[in-house]
Every structure is written in C-alpha cells, then in structure tokens.
C-alpha cells in the first residue's frame, strides 16, 4: 500500500514544482526609485521589484547596505542609471552578489542611459569639470521623454526575460507612452508663460529638466559638481544673479538649507525644494506624478515671486 501511494505523490510534487517555476515572477532590481517606478509601469503585477537608493537620498552617495547583496544574488535583472551615477556604491554590491545574470554583457543587465542624448559631456576625462560627472550629466531622468526611452529598454529586456508575458509588457508600455505624451503636452503649455526664466540650482541636477521646459540655468551653488559651495564662489555668483535677475534657486530635498537661504536673502530669488525621484514626497509614487508635483511647485513659486 505504501508503494502505491508513493508514486502518485512523487508525480504531484513534480507537477507542483513545475507550476511554481512556471508562475515565478522575474526579480528586478533597480538602482534608483525613478528607474524602479518605470519597471512598475511596464511590469505591474508580473514582476517583483526592489530598489536600492531611497528616493530621498543623493543618488551619487547612497548608503548601500549589505542586505541588498541577497536581493542582487536572486535578481534576474539589474537596471542601473549608468554614466557612473552609482559608481561609488553599486559595484561592490554586484561583486558580492556573484550573480552571472546581472553582469555586464548579459541579458539581465541594463544600462538605462543607453540611447539617451547626454548633456555636458566633457571633451576629456579629467577632474577639471568636477568630481562626479566624468562621462556627462547623469540626471537625464528629469526629462520625461528620456523616461520613455528608458521604459522602452525595460520592456525589450523583459520580453527577452519573460517571453510569455511580452504582449502584456508591450501593452503597458504603449499605455504609459500615451499618458506621458498627453501629460507632456499639458506641462509644456503650463510652463510656456515662464519661458526663459533665469534660475540657479545647487548641483547640476536639472539641465535636462530646464532644457525640456525652456528655463535658463545661469549658475550653480556648487562651483563644480560634487564640490561644496565656497565663499569665493558665492561672492561671484550673487552679483551675477542680481544682474541677470534670477528668480528661483532649485534644490533637491536632501541638500542643506543654510547656503540656499543665504543666497536667497542676498538676491531675492526664491528657494524651491524639489524631489528628483518618484517617492521623494508623500503621494508622489509614480514617474508622471513627480513631474506634476515639480512643475506645479515651480509655477506656484514664480507666480508668488511676480
């Protein structure tokens, strides 16, 4: 009797194991929450998503805890921003994970910056342009059209990884692209009255954003990317801001406030604190919601200023 029951039970375990493998969702790790938000747009409930950098952290300097090594070890795909945005913290995690799937050259590894028209690419690789933008400006996700390019990369790779759900991913990409195009048209109409407005930023985070929405960056509080503001630099910047009529100082939420507020007092330019990734503020959980929030913050500040 014991043998008669053993055979069906073994077949039951085999079938159960096959079903669990067939239904397994791809494990996707994104280096930052803006990339993770696009994975959600394309993958929805068909993928498991982990993001490493908190949306309130400076993506150049992330507290990458060893616990993420386990996530990366089990990952089917890793998406990183590229342009050395994560160079100070991601490589040790990937090395420790020992996962061939997510190494460069394999289908499970995506550099999101591929195909993006990169701004501020230095003519030579030196430290003269600053410490942390050696291959050009890595903050391209703040142009929504670049987000659409990245979403397309993600869809293509998910189709390779999970061909059974490729049609589902492509449909989600199509829906996302249509919503983004509609919102972009709305955002550009909202920003048009403020075309050419002169602004200053803390770090070179916003060039892609201001290019898309026709603002004019005339300087940064940092003398060079990654170099803290200095008295000598501010002594040059402040008169220039007054002379050119700078209206706003845009800073990310993780920046110190003392320097921007000092410059604001001296120039009359208003400080506007903006999240740079989905999840950076309560209620801003999607990529499109990020632009809704930031554009409304800028317009509100400019209307108040005028």
Protein backbone atom coordinates (compact mmCIF):
# COMPACT_ATOMS: atom_id res chain seq x y z
CA UNK A 1 0.00 0.00 0.00
CA UNK A 2 2.81 2.36 0.85
CA UNK A 3 4.38 1.98 -2.59
CA UNK A 4 1.08 2.57 -4.37
CA UNK A 5 0.72 5.97 -2.74
CA UNK A 6 4.34 7.00 -3.19
CA UNK A 7 4.32 7.12 -6.99
CA UNK A 8 1.34 9.49 -7.38
CA UNK A 9 2.74 11.66 -4.58
CA UNK A 10 6.10 11.97 -6.34
CA UNK A 11 4.34 12.99 -9.56
CA UNK A 12 2.29 15.50 -7.58
CA UNK A 13 5.48 17.11 -6.21
CA UNK A 14 6.99 17.28 -9.71
CA UNK A 15 3.88 18.94 -11.12
CA UNK A 16 3.70 21.36 -8.19
CA UNK A 17 7.36 22.31 -8.59
CA UNK A 18 6.94 22.81 -12.35
CA UNK A 19 3.91 25.04 -11.77
CA UNK A 20 5.74 27.15 -9.21
CA UNK A 21 8.67 27.65 -11.60
CA UNK A 22 6.34 28.48 -14.48
CA UNK A 23 4.46 31.05 -12.36
CA UNK A 24 7.61 32.61 -10.85
CA UNK A 25 7.84 36.33 -11.41
CA UNK A 26 11.11 37.85 -12.63
CA UNK A 27 13.06 39.53 -9.83
CA UNK A 28 14.09 43.01 -10.95
CA UNK A 29 16.50 45.23 -9.01
CA UNK A 30 16.67 48.93 -9.93
CA UNK A 31 19.47 51.08 -8.60
CA UNK A 32 17.17 54.08 -8.02
CA UNK A 33 13.46 54.61 -7.43
CA UNK A 34 12.93 56.55 -10.65
CA UNK A 35 14.08 53.50 -12.60
CA UNK A 36 12.02 51.28 -10.31
CA UNK A 37 8.92 53.38 -11.00
CA UNK A 38 9.29 52.66 -14.72
CA UNK A 39 9.64 48.95 -14.07
CA UNK A 40 6.30 49.16 -12.24
CA UNK A 41 4.73 50.93 -15.21
CA UNK A 42 5.78 48.14 -17.57
CA UNK A 43 5.75 45.08 -15.34
CA UNK A 44 2.87 45.80 -12.96
CA UNK A 45 1.96 42.58 -11.14
CA UNK A 46 4.08 40.33 -13.38
CA UNK A 47 7.39 41.26 -11.75
CA UNK A 48 8.95 41.61 -8.31
CA UNK A 49 10.73 44.95 -7.90
CA UNK A 50 13.45 46.02 -5.47
CA UNK A 51 15.08 49.47 -5.49
CA UNK A 52 18.34 50.22 -3.72
CA UNK A 53 18.67 54.00 -3.40
CA UNK A 54 16.00 55.69 -1.32
CA UNK A 55 14.13 58.41 -3.25
CA UNK A 56 15.22 60.94 -0.63
CA UNK A 57 18.94 60.11 -0.97
CA UNK A 58 21.54 61.76 -3.15
CA UNK A 59 21.95 59.07 -5.85
CA UNK A 60 25.67 59.80 -6.01
CA UNK A 61 26.15 58.88 -2.35
CA UNK A 62 23.90 56.01 -1.29
CA UNK A 63 24.07 54.02 1.92
CA UNK A 64 24.16 50.66 0.14
CA UNK A 65 23.55 48.14 2.90
CA UNK A 66 24.96 44.60 2.57
CA UNK A 67 21.42 43.19 2.73
CA UNK A 68 20.99 44.20 -0.90
CA UNK A 69 23.60 41.60 -1.88
CA UNK A 70 20.99 38.90 -1.21
CA UNK A 71 18.48 40.70 -3.45
CA UNK A 72 21.04 41.00 -6.21
CA UNK A 73 22.03 37.35 -5.84
CA UNK A 74 18.44 36.35 -6.61
CA UNK A 75 17.88 39.00 -9.30
CA UNK A 76 17.02 38.11 -12.88
CA UNK A 77 17.70 41.69 -14.00
CA UNK A 78 19.61 44.73 -12.74
CA UNK A 79 18.88 48.21 -14.08
CA UNK A 80 21.38 50.95 -13.35
CA UNK A 81 21.46 54.55 -14.49
CA UNK A 82 24.97 54.49 -15.89
CA UNK A 83 27.34 57.41 -16.52
CA UNK A 84 28.97 56.48 -13.18
CA UNK A 85 25.96 57.75 -11.21
CA UNK A 86 26.21 54.68 -8.95
CA UNK A 87 29.95 54.07 -9.23
CA UNK A 88 30.65 54.79 -5.56
CA UNK A 89 28.27 52.20 -4.14
CA UNK A 90 26.75 49.72 -6.63
CA UNK A 91 29.81 47.76 -7.94
CA UNK A 92 30.71 46.28 -4.51
CA UNK A 93 27.15 45.01 -4.11
CA UNK A 94 27.13 43.42 -7.57
CA UNK A 95 30.53 41.84 -6.95
CA UNK A 96 29.36 40.41 -3.65
CA UNK A 97 26.17 39.02 -5.20
CA UNK A 98 28.08 36.64 -7.50
CA UNK A 99 25.19 36.52 -9.97
CA UNK A 100 26.26 35.97 -13.58
CA UNK A 101 22.84 37.04 -14.89
CA UNK A 102 23.31 40.68 -13.88
CA UNK A 103 26.87 41.21 -15.03
CA UNK A 104 27.64 43.49 -18.00
CA UNK A 105 27.13 41.80 -21.35
CA UNK A 106 24.31 39.55 -20.16
CA UNK A 107 20.56 40.00 -20.87
CA UNK A 108 19.90 40.62 -17.18
CA UNK A 109 21.96 43.81 -17.11
CA UNK A 110 20.58 47.13 -18.38
CA UNK A 111 22.33 50.49 -18.52
CA UNK A 112 19.37 52.85 -18.66
CA UNK A 113 21.36 55.69 -20.25
CA UNK A 114 21.79 53.73 -23.49
CA UNK A 115 20.28 55.72 -26.35
CA UNK A 116 19.93 58.94 -24.33
CA UNK A 117 21.36 62.18 -25.73
CA UNK A 118 23.72 63.01 -22.86
CA UNK A 119 24.31 66.62 -21.90
CA UNK A 120 27.51 68.22 -20.60
CA UNK A 121 29.87 65.52 -21.84
CA UNK A 122 33.40 66.80 -21.10
CA UNK A 123 35.89 66.89 -24.00
CA UNK A 124 38.37 64.88 -21.94
CA UNK A 125 38.20 62.67 -18.86
CA UNK A 126 39.73 64.92 -16.20
CA UNK A 127 38.65 66.16 -12.78
CA UNK A 128 38.57 69.72 -14.05
CA UNK A 129 34.79 69.63 -14.55
CA UNK A 130 34.12 68.27 -11.05
CA UNK A 131 34.22 65.05 -9.10
CA UNK A 132 31.13 63.11 -10.14
CA UNK A 133 30.10 63.77 -13.76
CA UNK A 134 33.08 62.42 -15.71
CA UNK A 135 31.01 60.97 -18.60
CA UNK A 136 28.39 63.71 -18.83
CA UNK A 137 25.37 64.65 -16.78
CA UNK A 138 23.67 61.51 -15.37
CA UNK A 139 20.40 63.16 -14.28
CA UNK A 140 18.64 62.51 -17.59
CA UNK A 141 15.52 61.01 -15.99
CA UNK A 142 14.32 64.55 -15.27
CA UNK A 143 13.41 64.89 -18.93
CA UNK A 144 10.17 62.89 -19.32
CA UNK A 145 10.98 61.95 -22.91
CA UNK A 146 14.11 60.24 -21.66
CA UNK A 147 11.88 58.31 -19.29
CA UNK A 148 10.01 56.98 -22.30
CA UNK A 149 13.28 55.80 -23.86
CA UNK A 150 14.23 54.00 -20.65
CA UNK A 151 10.77 52.42 -20.37
CA UNK A 152 11.24 51.04 -23.89
CA UNK A 153 14.59 49.48 -22.89
CA UNK A 154 12.93 47.88 -19.88
CA UNK A 155 10.11 46.48 -22.00
CA UNK A 156 12.52 44.99 -24.53
CA UNK A 157 14.57 43.27 -21.84
CA UNK A 158 11.51 41.98 -20.01
CA UNK A 159 10.33 40.44 -23.28
CA UNK A 160 13.64 38.60 -23.54
CA UNK A 161 13.49 37.51 -19.94
CA UNK A 162 9.79 36.59 -19.84
CA UNK A 163 8.60 35.97 -23.40
CA UNK A 164 5.29 34.51 -22.24
CA UNK A 165 4.20 37.94 -20.98
CA UNK A 166 5.77 40.04 -23.75
CA UNK A 167 2.42 41.19 -25.14
CA UNK A 168 1.40 42.30 -21.66
CA UNK A 169 4.58 44.35 -21.23
CA UNK A 170 4.23 45.94 -24.67
CA UNK A 171 0.63 46.91 -23.95
CA UNK A 172 1.69 48.54 -20.68
CA UNK A 173 4.48 50.41 -22.47
CA UNK A 174 2.02 51.66 -25.07
CA UNK A 175 -0.39 52.88 -22.39
CA UNK A 176 2.40 54.55 -20.43
CA UNK A 177 3.75 56.29 -23.54
CA UNK A 178 0.32 57.66 -24.43
CA UNK A 179 -0.21 59.01 -20.92
CA UNK A 180 3.27 60.54 -20.87
CA UNK A 181 2.76 62.25 -24.24
CA UNK A 182 -0.54 63.70 -23.08
CA UNK A 183 0.92 64.95 -19.81
CA UNK A 184 3.99 66.40 -21.54
CA UNK A 185 1.74 68.50 -23.75
CA UNK A 186 -0.06 69.79 -20.65
CA UNK A 187 3.18 70.51 -18.80
CA UNK A 188 4.67 72.42 -21.71
CA UNK A 189 1.57 74.62 -22.00
CA UNK A 190 1.69 75.30 -18.27
CA UNK A 191 5.38 76.27 -18.42
CA UNK A 192 5.24 78.33 -21.62
CA UNK A 193 4.45 81.66 -19.87
CA UNK A 194 7.69 81.27 -17.92
CA UNK A 195 9.94 80.52 -20.90
CA UNK A 196 13.46 81.85 -20.39
CA UNK A 197 13.12 82.34 -16.63
CA UNK A 198 16.57 82.52 -15.11
CA UNK A 199 17.30 80.13 -12.28
CA UNK A 200 20.17 78.82 -10.18
CA UNK A 201 20.47 75.27 -8.91
CA UNK A 202 22.50 73.71 -6.13
CA UNK A 203 24.01 70.86 -8.16
CA UNK A 204 23.89 70.16 -11.89
CA UNK A 205 20.76 68.04 -11.39
CA UNK A 206 18.29 69.93 -13.56
CA UNK A 207 19.83 70.62 -17.02
CA UNK A 208 17.61 68.03 -18.74
CA UNK A 209 14.53 69.38 -17.00
CA UNK A 210 15.17 73.03 -17.86
CA UNK A 211 16.05 72.20 -21.45
CA UNK A 212 12.74 70.37 -21.91
CA UNK A 213 10.72 73.16 -20.28
CA UNK A 214 12.68 76.15 -21.61
CA UNK A 215 14.10 77.62 -18.41
CA UNK A 216 17.60 79.10 -18.21
CA UNK A 217 20.18 77.95 -15.64
CA UNK A 218 22.70 80.74 -15.08
CA UNK A 219 24.76 79.06 -12.37
CA UNK A 220 25.04 76.57 -9.51
CA UNK A 221 25.75 76.97 -5.82
CA UNK A 222 28.41 74.28 -6.20
CA UNK A 223 31.47 75.65 -8.03
CA UNK A 224 31.79 72.23 -9.71
CA UNK A 225 29.71 69.05 -9.41
CA UNK A 226 30.40 67.41 -6.07
CA UNK A 227 32.40 70.39 -4.70
CA UNK A 228 30.63 72.16 -1.79
CA UNK A 229 29.74 75.85 -2.13
CA UNK A 230 32.57 78.17 -1.14
CA UNK A 231 32.53 81.83 -0.04
CA UNK A 232 34.64 82.88 -3.03
CA UNK A 233 32.25 81.18 -5.46
CA UNK A 234 29.16 82.70 -3.80
CA UNK A 235 30.78 86.14 -3.86
CA UNK A 236 30.90 85.83 -7.65
CA UNK A 237 27.53 84.11 -8.05
CA UNK A 238 25.39 86.52 -6.01
CA UNK A 239 26.17 89.71 -8.01
CA UNK A 240 25.68 87.77 -11.23
CA UNK A 241 22.26 86.55 -10.05
CA UNK A 242 21.24 90.12 -9.21
CA UNK A 243 22.46 91.42 -12.54
CA UNK A 244 20.66 88.75 -14.58
CA UNK A 245 17.50 88.71 -12.49
CA UNK A 246 17.49 85.12 -11.25
CA UNK A 247 14.02 84.20 -9.96
CA UNK A 248 14.48 80.78 -8.39
CA UNK A 249 17.03 78.57 -6.62
CA UNK A 250 16.15 74.93 -7.25
CA UNK A 251 17.49 72.44 -4.73
CA UNK A 252 16.92 68.75 -4.10
CA UNK A 253 15.29 67.75 -0.83
CA UNK A 254 18.46 66.11 0.52
CA UNK A 255 20.50 69.35 0.32
CA UNK A 256 21.42 71.51 3.28
CA UNK A 257 19.30 74.66 3.50
CA UNK A 258 21.67 77.22 5.01
CA UNK A 259 23.52 78.16 1.81
CA UNK A 260 20.44 78.43 -0.48
CA UNK A 261 18.62 80.53 2.11
CA UNK A 262 21.61 82.84 2.47
CA UNK A 263 21.79 83.35 -1.29
CA UNK A 264 18.03 83.88 -1.40
CA UNK A 265 18.27 86.64 1.20
CA UNK A 266 21.01 88.37 -0.79
CA UNK A 267 19.35 88.10 -4.22
CA UNK A 268 15.60 87.82 -3.71
CA UNK A 269 15.49 84.56 -5.67
CA UNK A 270 13.06 82.11 -4.12
CA UNK A 271 14.22 78.68 -2.90
CA UNK A 272 12.17 75.78 -4.30
CA UNK A 273 12.77 72.30 -2.91
CA UNK A 274 12.04 69.54 -5.42
CA UNK A 275 12.12 65.74 -5.19
CA UNK A 276 14.05 64.20 -8.07
CA UNK A 277 12.61 60.68 -7.93
CA UNK A 278 9.23 59.04 -7.55
CA UNK A 279 8.56 58.52 -3.85
CA UNK A 280 10.56 61.60 -2.85
CA UNK A 281 7.45 63.17 -1.36
CA UNK A 282 4.33 61.62 0.12
CA UNK A 283 1.80 60.95 -2.62
CA UNK A 284 4.36 61.14 -5.43
CA UNK A 285 4.59 57.45 -6.16
CA UNK A 286 4.80 57.43 -9.97
CA UNK A 287 7.11 58.91 -12.58
CA UNK A 288 4.37 61.12 -14.03
CA UNK A 289 3.27 62.30 -10.58
CA UNK A 290 6.84 63.51 -9.99
CA UNK A 291 6.60 65.96 -12.89
CA UNK A 292 3.08 67.02 -11.93
CA UNK A 293 4.35 67.97 -8.50
CA UNK A 294 7.58 69.67 -9.57
CA UNK A 295 6.03 71.73 -12.31
CA UNK A 296 3.25 72.93 -10.02
CA UNK A 297 5.83 73.86 -7.37
CA UNK A 298 7.84 75.90 -9.85
CA UNK A 299 4.80 77.68 -11.29
CA UNK A 300 3.47 78.46 -7.82
CA UNK A 301 6.83 79.93 -6.78
CA UNK A 302 7.10 82.05 -9.94
CA UNK A 303 3.56 83.38 -9.58
CA UNK A 304 4.23 84.27 -5.96
CA UNK A 305 7.51 85.89 -6.95
CA UNK A 306 5.86 88.07 -9.59
